[in-house]
Amino acid sequence: MGPIRIKRIYETATDDDGFRVLVDRVWPRGITREKAAVDIWLKEIGPSTELRKWFGHDPARWDEFRLRYRLELAAQPALLEDFREQAGKGALTLVYSAHDEMHNQAVVLKEFLEG
């Protein structure tokens, strides 16, 4: 499996990003498709609307969010297999828009794919 990276959508895309996947359920504000430079927007892999709203990027809810989101991911084996297949071809970058670089769905998704 190639390296899996995570990167904020507001950071400039680089050649070593490899295949770039936007993993947000909602398109990031103020970002054009050109500037996003993603190969695919896979909104289905992002946390459900209910989970996203419940979490509200509150670090106090992080552990519970991780657990609930991992359960949602486990219920989508075909989608995850596509990710693993892509990662096997080279670098994979999970792109997200949250301000908090340590408490967001891309962090959980990366752990899930690697684990």
PDB file of N, CA and C in Angstrom:
ATOM      1  N   MET A   1       0.847  -1.183   0.000  1.00  0.00           N
ATOM      2  CA  MET A   1       0.000   0.000   0.000  1.00  0.00           C
ATOM      3  C   MET A   1       0.886   1.238   0.000  1.00  0.00           C
ATOM      4  N   GLY A   2       0.534   2.189  -0.847  1.00  0.00           N
ATOM      5  CA  GLY A   2       1.275   3.441  -0.882  1.00  0.00           C
ATOM      6  C   GLY A   2       0.967   4.277   0.349  1.00  0.00           C
ATOM      7  N   PRO A   3       1.689   5.360   0.512  1.00  0.00           N
ATOM      8  CA  PRO A   3       1.436   6.214   1.678  1.00  0.00           C
ATOM      9  C   PRO A   3       0.064   6.883   1.586  1.00  0.00           C
ATOM     10  N   ILE A   4      -0.567   7.012   2.725  1.00  0.00           N
ATOM     11  CA  ILE A   4      -1.834   7.741   2.811  1.00  0.00           C
ATOM     12  C   ILE A   4      -1.549   9.007   3.599  1.00  0.00           C
ATOM     13  N   ARG A   5      -1.860  10.129   2.987  1.00  0.00           N
ATOM     14  CA  ARG A   5      -1.622  11.418   3.620  1.00  0.00           C
ATOM     15  C   ARG A   5      -2.954  12.117   3.834  1.00  0.00           C
ATOM     16  N   ILE A   6      -2.944  13.114   4.708  1.00  0.00           N
ATOM     17  CA  ILE A   6      -4.114  13.969   4.854  1.00  0.00           C
ATOM     18  C   ILE A   6      -3.659  15.416   4.668  1.00  0.00           C
ATOM     19  N   LYS A   7      -4.562  16.222   4.092  1.00  0.00           N
ATOM     20  CA  LYS A   7      -4.183  17.594   3.769  1.00  0.00           C
ATOM     21  C   LYS A   7      -5.440  18.456   3.722  1.00  0.00           C
ATOM     22  N   ARG A   8      -5.315  19.649   4.265  1.00  0.00           N
ATOM     23  CA  ARG A   8      -6.433  20.599   4.170  1.00  0.00           C
ATOM     24  C   ARG A   8      -6.596  21.063   2.726  1.00  0.00           C
ATOM     25  N   ILE A   9      -7.823  21.252   2.323  1.00  0.00           N
ATOM     26  CA  ILE A   9      -8.116  21.677   0.958  1.00  0.00           C
ATOM     27  C   ILE A   9      -7.530  23.045   0.651  1.00  0.00           C
ATOM     28  N   TYR A  10      -7.276  23.833   1.690  1.00  0.00           N
ATOM     29  CA  TYR A  10      -6.752  25.187   1.501  1.00  0.00           C
ATOM     30  C   TYR A  10      -5.241  25.197   1.283  1.00  0.00           C
ATOM     31  N   GLU A  11      -4.588  24.040   1.440  1.00  0.00           N
ATOM     32  CA  GLU A  11      -3.159  23.920   1.148  1.00  0.00           C
ATOM     33  C   GLU A  11      -2.990  23.634  -0.341  1.00  0.00           C
ATOM     34  N   THR A  12      -1.907  24.085  -0.910  1.00  0.00           N
ATOM     35  CA  THR A  12      -1.644  23.885  -2.327  1.00  0.00           C
ATOM     36  C   THR A  12      -1.381  22.412  -2.626  1.00  0.00           C
ATOM     37  N   ALA A  13      -1.985  21.928  -3.693  1.00  0.00           N
ATOM     38  CA  ALA A  13      -1.742  20.557  -4.138  1.00  0.00           C
ATOM     39  C   ALA A  13      -0.310  20.445  -4.653  1.00  0.00           C
ATOM     40  N   THR A  14       0.327  19.317  -4.394  1.00  0.00           N
ATOM     41  CA  THR A  14       1.690  19.075  -4.872  1.00  0.00           C
ATOM     42  C   THR A  14       1.741  17.738  -5.595  1.00  0.00           C
ATOM     43  N   ASP A  15       2.784  17.548  -6.367  1.00  0.00           N
ATOM     44  CA  ASP A  15       2.922  16.316  -7.150  1.00  0.00           C
ATOM     45  C   ASP A  15       2.958  15.063  -6.274  1.00  0.00           C
ATOM     46  N   ASP A  16       3.546  15.185  -5.079  1.00  0.00           N
ATOM     47  CA  ASP A  16       3.650  13.993  -4.235  1.00  0.00           C
ATOM     48  C   ASP A  16       2.347  13.651  -3.510  1.00  0.00           C
ATOM     49  N   ASP A  17       1.281  14.429  -3.739  1.00  0.00           N
ATOM     50  CA  ASP A  17      -0.017  14.091  -3.157  1.00  0.00           C
ATOM     51  C   ASP A  17      -0.583  12.809  -3.765  1.00  0.00           C
ATOM     52  N   GLY A  18      -0.204  12.510  -4.990  1.00  0.00           N
ATOM     53  CA  GLY A  18      -0.764  11.341  -5.660  1.00  0.00           C
ATOM     54  C   GLY A  18      -2.237  11.561  -5.965  1.00  0.00           C
ATOM     55  N   PHE A  19      -3.043  10.537  -5.727  1.00  0.00           N
ATOM     56  CA  PHE A  19      -4.482  10.590  -5.974  1.00  0.00           C
ATOM     57  C   PHE A  19      -5.147  11.349  -4.837  1.00  0.00           C
ATOM     58  N   ARG A  20      -5.811  12.461  -5.159  1.00  0.00           N
ATOM     59  CA  ARG A  20      -6.415  13.335  -4.142  1.00  0.00           C
ATOM     60  C   ARG A  20      -7.928  13.104  -4.084  1.00  0.00           C
ATOM     61  N   VAL A  21      -8.414  12.781  -2.878  1.00  0.00           N
ATOM     62  CA  VAL A  21      -9.837  12.509  -2.675  1.00  0.00           C
ATOM     63  C   VAL A  21     -10.401  13.463  -1.622  1.00  0.00           C
ATOM     64  N   LEU A  22     -11.413  14.234  -1.999  1.00  0.00           N
ATOM     65  CA  LEU A  22     -12.099  15.085  -1.037  1.00  0.00           C
ATOM     66  C   LEU A  22     -13.058  14.204  -0.250  1.00  0.00           C
ATOM     67  N   VAL A  23     -12.882  14.169   1.076  1.00  0.00           N
ATOM     68  CA  VAL A  23     -13.663  13.271   1.925  1.00  0.00           C
ATOM     69  C   VAL A  23     -14.666  14.021   2.800  1.00  0.00           C
ATOM     70  N   ASP A  24     -15.055  15.208   2.383  1.00  0.00           N
ATOM     71  CA  ASP A  24     -16.085  15.992   3.080  1.00  0.00           C
ATOM     72  C   ASP A  24     -17.434  15.717   2.432  1.00  0.00           C
ATOM     73  N   ARG A  25     -18.474  15.665   3.235  1.00  0.00           N
ATOM     74  CA  ARG A  25     -19.833  15.466   2.707  1.00  0.00           C
ATOM     75  C   ARG A  25     -20.347  16.748   2.042  1.00  0.00           C
ATOM     76  N   VAL A  26     -19.842  17.908   2.483  1.00  0.00           N
ATOM     77  CA  VAL A  26     -20.260  19.198   1.950  1.00  0.00           C
ATOM     78  C   VAL A  26     -19.054  19.847   1.264  1.00  0.00           C
ATOM     79  N   TRP A  27     -19.294  20.427   0.073  1.00  0.00           N
ATOM     80  CA  TRP A  27     -18.202  21.088  -0.645  1.00  0.00           C
ATOM     81  C   TRP A  27     -17.689  22.271   0.176  1.00  0.00           C
ATOM     82  N   PRO A  28     -16.359  22.416   0.307  1.00  0.00           N
ATOM     83  CA  PRO A  28     -15.769  23.498   1.119  1.00  0.00           C
ATOM     84  C   PRO A  28     -16.087  24.889   0.572  1.00  0.00           C
ATOM     85  N   ARG A  29     -16.387  25.782   1.493  1.00  0.00           N
ATOM     86  CA  ARG A  29     -16.702  27.169   1.140  1.00  0.00           C
ATOM     87  C   ARG A  29     -15.507  27.869   0.509  1.00  0.00           C
ATOM     88  N   GLY A  30     -15.797  28.649  -0.522  1.00  0.00           N
ATOM     89  CA  GLY A  30     -14.779  29.504  -1.121  1.00  0.00           C
ATOM     90  C   GLY A  30     -13.739  28.784  -1.963  1.00  0.00           C
ATOM     91  N   ILE A  31     -13.974  27.522  -2.282  1.00  0.00           N
ATOM     92  CA  ILE A  31     -12.995  26.756  -3.058  1.00  0.00           C
ATOM     93  C   ILE A  31     -13.618  26.363  -4.394  1.00  0.00           C
ATOM     94  N   THR A  32     -12.941  26.733  -5.474  1.00  0.00           N
ATOM     95  CA  THR A  32     -13.404  26.319  -6.799  1.00  0.00           C
ATOM     96  C   THR A  32     -12.922  24.895  -7.064  1.00  0.00           C
ATOM     97  N   ARG A  33     -13.523  24.250  -8.019  1.00  0.00           N
ATOM     98  CA  ARG A  33     -13.100  22.889  -8.371  1.00  0.00           C
ATOM     99  C   ARG A  33     -11.650  22.887  -8.863  1.00  0.00           C
ATOM    100  N   GLU A  34     -11.269  23.929  -9.567  1.00  0.00           N
ATOM    101  CA  GLU A  34      -9.900  24.018 -10.068  1.00  0.00           C
ATOM    102  C   GLU A  34      -8.902  24.141  -8.913  1.00  0.00           C
ATOM    103  N   LYS A  35      -9.218  25.023  -7.967  1.00  0.00           N
ATOM    104  CA  LYS A  35      -8.313  25.228  -6.842  1.00  0.00           C
ATOM    105  C   LYS A  35      -8.240  23.982  -5.945  1.00  0.00           C
ATOM    106  N   ALA A  36      -9.344  23.266  -5.845  1.00  0.00           N
ATOM    107  CA  ALA A  36      -9.374  22.056  -5.009  1.00  0.00           C
ATOM    108  C   ALA A  36      -8.407  20.999  -5.540  1.00  0.00           C
ATOM    109  N   ALA A  37      -8.284  20.930  -6.843  1.00  0.00           N
ATOM    110  CA  ALA A  37      -7.363  19.979  -7.495  1.00  0.00           C
ATOM    111  C   ALA A  37      -7.527  18.559  -6.954  1.00  0.00           C
ATOM    112  N   VAL A  38      -8.794  18.123  -6.788  1.00  0.00           N
ATOM    113  CA  VAL A  38      -9.029  16.755  -6.336  1.00  0.00           C
ATOM    114  C   VAL A  38      -9.341  15.881  -7.543  1.00  0.00           C
ATOM    115  N   ASP A  39      -8.947  14.630  -7.439  1.00  0.00           N
ATOM    116  CA  ASP A  39      -9.247  13.679  -8.512  1.00  0.00           C
ATOM    117  C   ASP A  39     -10.693  13.207  -8.419  1.00  0.00           C
ATOM    118  N   ILE A  40     -11.204  13.167  -7.188  1.00  0.00           N
ATOM    119  CA  ILE A  40     -12.582  12.741  -6.989  1.00  0.00           C
ATOM    120  C   ILE A  40     -13.107  13.332  -5.681  1.00  0.00           C
ATOM    121  N   TRP A  41     -14.386  13.641  -5.680  1.00  0.00           N
ATOM    122  CA  TRP A  41     -15.069  14.064  -4.454  1.00  0.00           C
ATOM    123  C   TRP A  41     -15.948  12.897  -4.048  1.00  0.00           C
ATOM    124  N   LEU A  42     -15.590  12.256  -2.972  1.00  0.00           N
ATOM    125  CA  LEU A  42     -16.313  11.077  -2.521  1.00  0.00           C
ATOM    126  C   LEU A  42     -17.091  11.421  -1.252  1.00  0.00           C
ATOM    127  N   LYS A  43     -18.164  12.185  -1.432  1.00  0.00           N
ATOM    128  CA  LYS A  43     -18.912  12.663  -0.270  1.00  0.00           C
ATOM    129  C   LYS A  43     -19.529  11.530   0.530  1.00  0.00           C
ATOM    130  N   GLU A  44     -19.788  10.384  -0.110  1.00  0.00           N
ATOM    131  CA  GLU A  44     -20.394   9.248   0.585  1.00  0.00           C
ATOM    132  C   GLU A  44     -19.501   8.686   1.691  1.00  0.00           C
ATOM    133  N   ILE A  45     -18.193   8.938   1.606  1.00  0.00           N
ATOM    134  CA  ILE A  45     -17.263   8.411   2.610  1.00  0.00           C
ATOM    135  C   ILE A  45     -17.189   9.319   3.835  1.00  0.00           C
ATOM    136  N   GLY A  46     -17.665  10.539   3.713  1.00  0.00           N
ATOM    137  CA  GLY A  46     -17.651  11.455   4.854  1.00  0.00           C
ATOM    138  C   GLY A  46     -18.657  11.030   5.908  1.00  0.00           C
ATOM    139  N   PRO A  47     -18.522  11.550   7.110  1.00  0.00           N
ATOM    140  CA  PRO A  47     -19.477  11.221   8.169  1.00  0.00           C
ATOM    141  C   PRO A  47     -20.896  11.635   7.771  1.00  0.00           C
ATOM    142  N   SER A  48     -21.872  10.877   8.235  1.00  0.00           N
ATOM    143  CA  SER A  48     -23.269  11.210   7.943  1.00  0.00           C
ATOM    144  C   SER A  48     -23.566  12.627   8.437  1.00  0.00           C
ATOM    145  N   THR A  49     -24.583  13.221   7.860  1.00  0.00           N
ATOM    146  CA  THR A  49     -24.981  14.577   8.258  1.00  0.00           C
ATOM    147  C   THR A  49     -25.283  14.619   9.757  1.00  0.00           C
ATOM    148  N   GLU A  50     -25.969  13.600  10.253  1.00  0.00           N
ATOM    149  CA  GLU A  50     -26.321  13.554  11.669  1.00  0.00           C
ATOM    150  C   GLU A  50     -25.065  13.519  12.538  1.00  0.00           C
ATOM    151  N   LEU A  51     -24.114  12.674  12.172  1.00  0.00           N
ATOM    152  CA  LEU A  51     -22.885  12.548  12.958  1.00  0.00           C
ATOM    153  C   LEU A  51     -22.059  13.828  12.880  1.00  0.00           C
ATOM    154  N   ARG A  52     -21.971  14.396  11.698  1.00  0.00           N
ATOM    155  CA  ARG A  52     -21.205  15.621  11.505  1.00  0.00           C
ATOM    156  C   ARG A  52     -21.765  16.754  12.361  1.00  0.00           C
ATOM    157  N   LYS A  53     -23.090  16.891  12.356  1.00  0.00           N
ATOM    158  CA  LYS A  53     -23.721  17.953  13.150  1.00  0.00           C
ATOM    159  C   LYS A  53     -23.565  17.690  14.642  1.00  0.00           C
ATOM    160  N   TRP A  54     -23.696  16.427  15.049  1.00  0.00           N
ATOM    161  CA  TRP A  54     -23.537  16.082  16.471  1.00  0.00           C
ATOM    162  C   TRP A  54     -22.120  16.416  16.943  1.00  0.00           C
ATOM    163  N   PHE A  55     -21.117  16.046  16.145  1.00  0.00           N
ATOM    164  CA  PHE A  55     -19.719  16.280  16.512  1.00  0.00           C
ATOM    165  C   PHE A  55     -19.420  17.771  16.603  1.00  0.00           C
ATOM    166  N   GLY A  56     -19.811  18.522  15.589  1.00  0.00           N
ATOM    167  CA  GLY A  56     -19.593  19.965  15.590  1.00  0.00           C
ATOM    168  C   GLY A  56     -18.145  20.367  15.817  1.00  0.00           C
ATOM    169  N   HIS A  57     -17.202  19.487  15.498  1.00  0.00           N
ATOM    170  CA  HIS A  57     -15.761  19.723  15.676  1.00  0.00           C
ATOM    171  C   HIS A  57     -15.407  20.070  17.117  1.00  0.00           C
ATOM    172  N   ASP A  58     -16.127  19.467  18.041  1.00  0.00           N
ATOM    173  CA  ASP A  58     -15.879  19.668  19.473  1.00  0.00           C
ATOM    174  C   ASP A  58     -14.881  18.608  19.943  1.00  0.00           C
ATOM    175  N   PRO A  59     -13.643  18.990  20.285  1.00  0.00           N
ATOM    176  CA  PRO A  59     -12.640  18.006  20.710  1.00  0.00           C
ATOM    177  C   PRO A  59     -13.090  17.151  21.897  1.00  0.00           C
ATOM    178  N   ALA A  60     -14.005  17.651  22.711  1.00  0.00           N
ATOM    179  CA  ALA A  60     -14.511  16.857  23.842  1.00  0.00           C
ATOM    180  C   ALA A  60     -15.326  15.660  23.358  1.00  0.00           C
ATOM    181  N   ARG A  61     -15.822  15.715  22.118  1.00  0.00           N
ATOM    182  CA  ARG A  61     -16.609  14.615  21.547  1.00  0.00           C
ATOM    183  C   ARG A  61     -15.775  13.730  20.615  1.00  0.00           C
ATOM    184  N   TRP A  62     -14.482  13.986  20.543  1.00  0.00           N
ATOM    185  CA  TRP A  62     -13.602  13.314  19.589  1.00  0.00           C
ATOM    186  C   TRP A  62     -13.622  11.795  19.710  1.00  0.00           C
ATOM    187  N   ASP A  63     -13.445  11.262  20.900  1.00  0.00           N
ATOM    188  CA  ASP A  63     -13.389   9.804  21.051  1.00  0.00           C
ATOM    189  C   ASP A  63     -14.687   9.141  20.604  1.00  0.00           C
ATOM    190  N   GLU A  64     -15.799   9.727  20.980  1.00  0.00           N
ATOM    191  CA  GLU A  64     -17.102   9.176  20.582  1.00  0.00           C
ATOM    192  C   GLU A  64     -17.310   9.343  19.072  1.00  0.00           C
ATOM    193  N   PHE A  65     -16.883  10.475  18.522  1.00  0.00           N
ATOM    194  CA  PHE A  65     -16.982  10.686  17.075  1.00  0.00           C
ATOM    195  C   PHE A  65     -16.189   9.621  16.332  1.00  0.00           C
ATOM    196  N   ARG A  66     -14.962   9.369  16.775  1.00  0.00           N
ATOM    197  CA  ARG A  66     -14.116   8.355  16.124  1.00  0.00           C
ATOM    198  C   ARG A  66     -14.812   7.002  16.118  1.00  0.00           C
ATOM    199  N   LEU A  67     -15.380   6.630  17.235  1.00  0.00           N
ATOM    200  CA  LEU A  67     -16.077   5.353  17.340  1.00  0.00           C
ATOM    201  C   LEU A  67     -17.269   5.286  16.385  1.00  0.00           C
ATOM    202  N   ARG A  68     -18.105   6.316  16.424  1.00  0.00           N
ATOM    203  CA  ARG A  68     -19.296   6.320  15.566  1.00  0.00           C
ATOM    204  C   ARG A  68     -18.949   6.362  14.081  1.00  0.00           C
ATOM    205  N   TYR A  69     -17.945   7.150  13.738  1.00  0.00           N
ATOM    206  CA  TYR A  69     -17.556   7.252  12.328  1.00  0.00           C
ATOM    207  C   TYR A  69     -16.950   5.938  11.840  1.00  0.00           C
ATOM    208  N   ARG A  70     -16.175   5.283  12.667  1.00  0.00           N
ATOM    209  CA  ARG A  70     -15.609   3.979  12.293  1.00  0.00           C
ATOM    210  C   ARG A  70     -16.726   2.961  12.047  1.00  0.00           C
ATOM    211  N   LEU A  71     -17.807   3.038  12.822  1.00  0.00           N
ATOM    212  CA  LEU A  71     -18.954   2.149  12.594  1.00  0.00           C
ATOM    213  C   LEU A  71     -19.606   2.454  11.242  1.00  0.00           C
ATOM    214  N   GLU A  72     -19.715   3.735  10.911  1.00  0.00           N
ATOM    215  CA  GLU A  72     -20.257   4.105   9.596  1.00  0.00           C
ATOM    216  C   GLU A  72     -19.355   3.597   8.477  1.00  0.00           C
ATOM    217  N   LEU A  73     -18.059   3.727   8.654  1.00  0.00           N
ATOM    218  CA  LEU A  73     -17.119   3.259   7.633  1.00  0.00           C
ATOM    219  C   LEU A  73     -17.205   1.744   7.457  1.00  0.00           C
ATOM    220  N   ALA A  74     -17.302   1.034   8.551  1.00  0.00           N
ATOM    221  CA  ALA A  74     -17.372  -0.434   8.496  1.00  0.00           C
ATOM    222  C   ALA A  74     -18.603  -0.909   7.728  1.00  0.00           C
ATOM    223  N   ALA A  75     -19.621  -0.086   7.675  1.00  0.00           N
ATOM    224  CA  ALA A  75     -20.850  -0.440   6.962  1.00  0.00           C
ATOM    225  C   ALA A  75     -20.744  -0.185   5.453  1.00  0.00           C
ATOM    226  N   GLN A  76     -19.570   0.267   4.980  1.00  0.00           N
ATOM    227  CA  GLN A  76     -19.364   0.577   3.560  1.00  0.00           C
ATOM    228  C   GLN A  76     -18.148  -0.160   3.003  1.00  0.00           C
ATOM    229  N   PRO A  77     -18.121  -1.482   3.070  1.00  0.00           N
ATOM    230  CA  PRO A  77     -16.913  -2.215   2.678  1.00  0.00           C
ATOM    231  C   PRO A  77     -16.502  -2.012   1.215  1.00  0.00           C
ATOM    232  N   ALA A  78     -17.448  -1.893   0.299  1.00  0.00           N
ATOM    233  CA  ALA A  78     -17.096  -1.724  -1.113  1.00  0.00           C
ATOM    234  C   ALA A  78     -16.378  -0.398  -1.345  1.00  0.00           C
ATOM    235  N   LEU A  79     -16.863   0.647  -0.708  1.00  0.00           N
ATOM    236  CA  LEU A  79     -16.245   1.964  -0.839  1.00  0.00           C
ATOM    237  C   LEU A  79     -14.822   1.954  -0.279  1.00  0.00           C
ATOM    238  N   LEU A  80     -14.651   1.306   0.848  1.00  0.00           N
ATOM    239  CA  LEU A  80     -13.325   1.220   1.466  1.00  0.00           C
ATOM    240  C   LEU A  80     -12.376   0.379   0.627  1.00  0.00           C
ATOM    241  N   GLU A  81     -12.891  -0.643  -0.015  1.00  0.00           N
ATOM    242  CA  GLU A  81     -12.041  -1.471  -0.872  1.00  0.00           C
ATOM    243  C   GLU A  81     -11.499  -0.645  -2.040  1.00  0.00           C
ATOM    244  N   ASP A  82     -12.332   0.252  -2.579  1.00  0.00           N
ATOM    245  CA  ASP A  82     -11.872   1.152  -3.650  1.00  0.00           C
ATOM    246  C   ASP A  82     -10.718   2.017  -3.157  1.00  0.00           C
ATOM    247  N   PHE A  83     -10.827   2.506  -1.924  1.00  0.00           N
ATOM    248  CA  PHE A  83      -9.747   3.315  -1.343  1.00  0.00           C
ATOM    249  C   PHE A  83      -8.468   2.498  -1.233  1.00  0.00           C
ATOM    250  N   ARG A  84      -8.590   1.316  -0.700  1.00  0.00           N
ATOM    251  CA  ARG A  84      -7.398   0.475  -0.525  1.00  0.00           C
ATOM    252  C   ARG A  84      -6.754   0.135  -1.863  1.00  0.00           C
ATOM    253  N   GLU A  85      -7.587  -0.093  -2.859  1.00  0.00           N
ATOM    254  CA  GLU A  85      -7.071  -0.384  -4.195  1.00  0.00           C
ATOM    255  C   GLU A  85      -6.302   0.814  -4.747  1.00  0.00           C
ATOM    256  N   GLN A  86      -6.852   2.004  -4.577  1.00  0.00           N
ATOM    257  CA  GLN A  86      -6.189   3.218  -5.042  1.00  0.00           C
ATOM    258  C   GLN A  86      -4.886   3.438  -4.288  1.00  0.00           C
ATOM    259  N   ALA A  87      -4.895   3.207  -2.987  1.00  0.00           N
ATOM    260  CA  ALA A  87      -3.686   3.372  -2.178  1.00  0.00           C
ATOM    261  C   ALA A  87      -2.611   2.377  -2.611  1.00  0.00           C
ATOM    262  N   GLY A  88      -3.018   1.231  -3.101  1.00  0.00           N
ATOM    263  CA  GLY A  88      -2.059   0.236  -3.576  1.00  0.00           C
ATOM    264  C   GLY A  88      -1.332   0.672  -4.838  1.00  0.00           C
ATOM    265  N   LYS A  89      -1.885   1.648  -5.534  1.00  0.00           N
ATOM    266  CA  LYS A  89      -1.285   2.131  -6.783  1.00  0.00           C
ATOM    267  C   LYS A  89      -0.259   3.229  -6.550  1.00  0.00           C
ATOM    268  N   GLY A  90      -0.229   3.791  -5.347  1.00  0.00           N
ATOM    269  CA  GLY A  90       0.695   4.889  -5.060  1.00  0.00           C
ATOM    270  C   GLY A  90       0.148   5.756  -3.949  1.00  0.00           C
ATOM    271  N   ALA A  91       0.639   6.965  -3.883  1.00  0.00           N
ATOM    272  CA  ALA A  91       0.227   7.878  -2.818  1.00  0.00           C
ATOM    273  C   ALA A  91      -1.259   8.216  -2.936  1.00  0.00           C
ATOM    274  N   LEU A  92      -1.887   8.337  -1.781  1.00  0.00           N
ATOM    275  CA  LEU A  92      -3.292   8.701  -1.680  1.00  0.00           C
ATOM    276  C   LEU A  92      -3.380   9.837  -0.662  1.00  0.00           C
ATOM    277  N   THR A  93      -4.011  10.937  -1.035  1.00  0.00           N
ATOM    278  CA  THR A  93      -4.166  12.067  -0.115  1.00  0.00           C
ATOM    279  C   THR A  93      -5.646  12.295   0.147  1.00  0.00           C
ATOM    280  N   LEU A  94      -6.000  12.228   1.428  1.00  0.00           N
ATOM    281  CA  LEU A  94      -7.362  12.496   1.868  1.00  0.00           C
ATOM    282  C   LEU A  94      -7.457  13.989   2.150  1.00  0.00           C
ATOM    283  N   VAL A  95      -8.297  14.667   1.404  1.00  0.00           N
ATOM    284  CA  VAL A  95      -8.414  16.119   1.489  1.00  0.00           C
ATOM    285  C   VAL A  95      -9.682  16.470   2.274  1.00  0.00           C
ATOM    286  N   TYR A  96      -9.542  17.413   3.201  1.00  0.00           N
ATOM    287  CA  TYR A  96     -10.648  17.816   4.067  1.00  0.00           C
ATOM    288  C   TYR A  96     -10.609  19.325   4.252  1.00  0.00           C
ATOM    289  N   SER A  97     -11.701  19.890   4.806  1.00  0.00           N
ATOM    290  CA  SER A  97     -11.742  21.340   4.957  1.00  0.00           C
ATOM    291  C   SER A  97     -11.757  21.827   6.406  1.00  0.00           C
ATOM    292  N   ALA A  98     -11.882  20.953   7.369  1.00  0.00           N
ATOM    293  CA  ALA A  98     -11.967  21.370   8.776  1.00  0.00           C
ATOM    294  C   ALA A  98     -10.744  22.191   9.184  1.00  0.00           C
ATOM    295  N   HIS A  99     -10.948  23.119  10.102  1.00  0.00           N
ATOM    296  CA  HIS A  99      -9.842  23.936  10.609  1.00  0.00           C
ATOM    297  C   HIS A  99      -8.939  23.133  11.537  1.00  0.00           C
ATOM    298  N   ASP A 100      -9.531  22.244  12.310  1.00  0.00           N
ATOM    299  CA  ASP A 100      -8.790  21.450  13.292  1.00  0.00           C
ATOM    300  C   ASP A 100      -8.095  20.290  12.579  1.00  0.00           C
ATOM    301  N   GLU A 101      -6.778  20.347  12.525  1.00  0.00           N
ATOM    302  CA  GLU A 101      -6.003  19.346  11.798  1.00  0.00           C
ATOM    303  C   GLU A 101      -5.875  18.017  12.532  1.00  0.00           C
ATOM    304  N   MET A 102      -6.227  17.981  13.811  1.00  0.00           N
ATOM    305  CA  MET A 102      -6.089  16.750  14.592  1.00  0.00           C
ATOM    306  C   MET A 102      -7.417  16.059  14.857  1.00  0.00           C
ATOM    307  N   HIS A 103      -8.525  16.780  14.721  1.00  0.00           N
ATOM    308  CA  HIS A 103      -9.845  16.240  15.043  1.00  0.00           C
ATOM    309  C   HIS A 103     -10.768  16.409  13.846  1.00  0.00           C
ATOM    310  N   ASN A 104     -10.627  15.532  12.854  1.00  0.00           N
ATOM    311  CA  ASN A 104     -11.478  15.590  11.668  1.00  0.00           C
ATOM    312  C   ASN A 104     -11.606  14.199  11.060  1.00  0.00           C
ATOM    313  N   GLN A 105     -12.543  14.051  10.145  1.00  0.00           N
ATOM    314  CA  GLN A 105     -12.825  12.741   9.576  1.00  0.00           C
ATOM    315  C   GLN A 105     -11.664  12.150   8.787  1.00  0.00           C
ATOM    316  N   ALA A 106     -10.831  12.977   8.186  1.00  0.00           N
ATOM    317  CA  ALA A 106      -9.701  12.447   7.417  1.00  0.00           C
ATOM    318  C   ALA A 106      -8.729  11.699   8.330  1.00  0.00           C
ATOM    319  N   VAL A 107      -8.536  12.180   9.549  1.00  0.00           N
ATOM    320  CA  VAL A 107      -7.665  11.507  10.516  1.00  0.00           C
ATOM    321  C   VAL A 107      -8.214  10.117  10.820  1.00  0.00           C
ATOM    322  N   VAL A 108      -9.513  10.039  11.061  1.00  0.00           N
ATOM    323  CA  VAL A 108     -10.150   8.752  11.382  1.00  0.00           C
ATOM    324  C   VAL A 108     -10.106   7.825  10.179  1.00  0.00           C
ATOM    325  N   LEU A 109     -10.402   8.352   9.003  1.00  0.00           N
ATOM    326  CA  LEU A 109     -10.403   7.541   7.788  1.00  0.00           C
ATOM    327  C   LEU A 109      -9.012   6.979   7.508  1.00  0.00           C
ATOM    328  N   LYS A 110      -7.981   7.783   7.680  1.00  0.00           N
ATOM    329  CA  LYS A 110      -6.602   7.327   7.482  1.00  0.00           C
ATOM    330  C   LYS A 110      -6.281   6.184   8.457  1.00  0.00           C
ATOM    331  N   GLU A 111      -6.624   6.374   9.727  1.00  0.00           N
ATOM    332  CA  GLU A 111      -6.398   5.304  10.725  1.00  0.00           C
ATOM    333  C   GLU A 111      -7.129   4.030  10.325  1.00  0.00           C
ATOM    334  N   PHE A 112      -8.366   4.192   9.876  1.00  0.00           N
ATOM    335  CA  PHE A 112      -9.196   3.051   9.505  1.00  0.00           C
ATOM    336  C   PHE A 112      -8.596   2.294   8.320  1.00  0.00           C
ATOM    337  N   LEU A 113      -8.159   3.031   7.302  1.00  0.00           N
ATOM    338  CA  LEU A 113      -7.583   2.401   6.109  1.00  0.00           C
ATOM    339  C   LEU A 113      -6.261   1.701   6.412  1.00  0.00           C
ATOM    340  N   GLU A 114      -5.484   2.292   7.299  1.00  0.00           N
ATOM    341  CA  GLU A 114      -4.175   1.705   7.638  1.00  0.00           C
ATOM    342  C   GLU A 114      -4.275   0.562   8.638  1.00  0.00           C
ATOM    343  N   GLY A 115      -5.365   0.561   9.409  1.00  0.00           N
ATOM    344  CA  GLY A 115      -5.496  -0.427  10.477  1.00  0.00           C
ATOM    345  C   GLY A 115      -6.172  -1.675  10.026  1.00  0.00           C
TER     346      GLY A 115
END
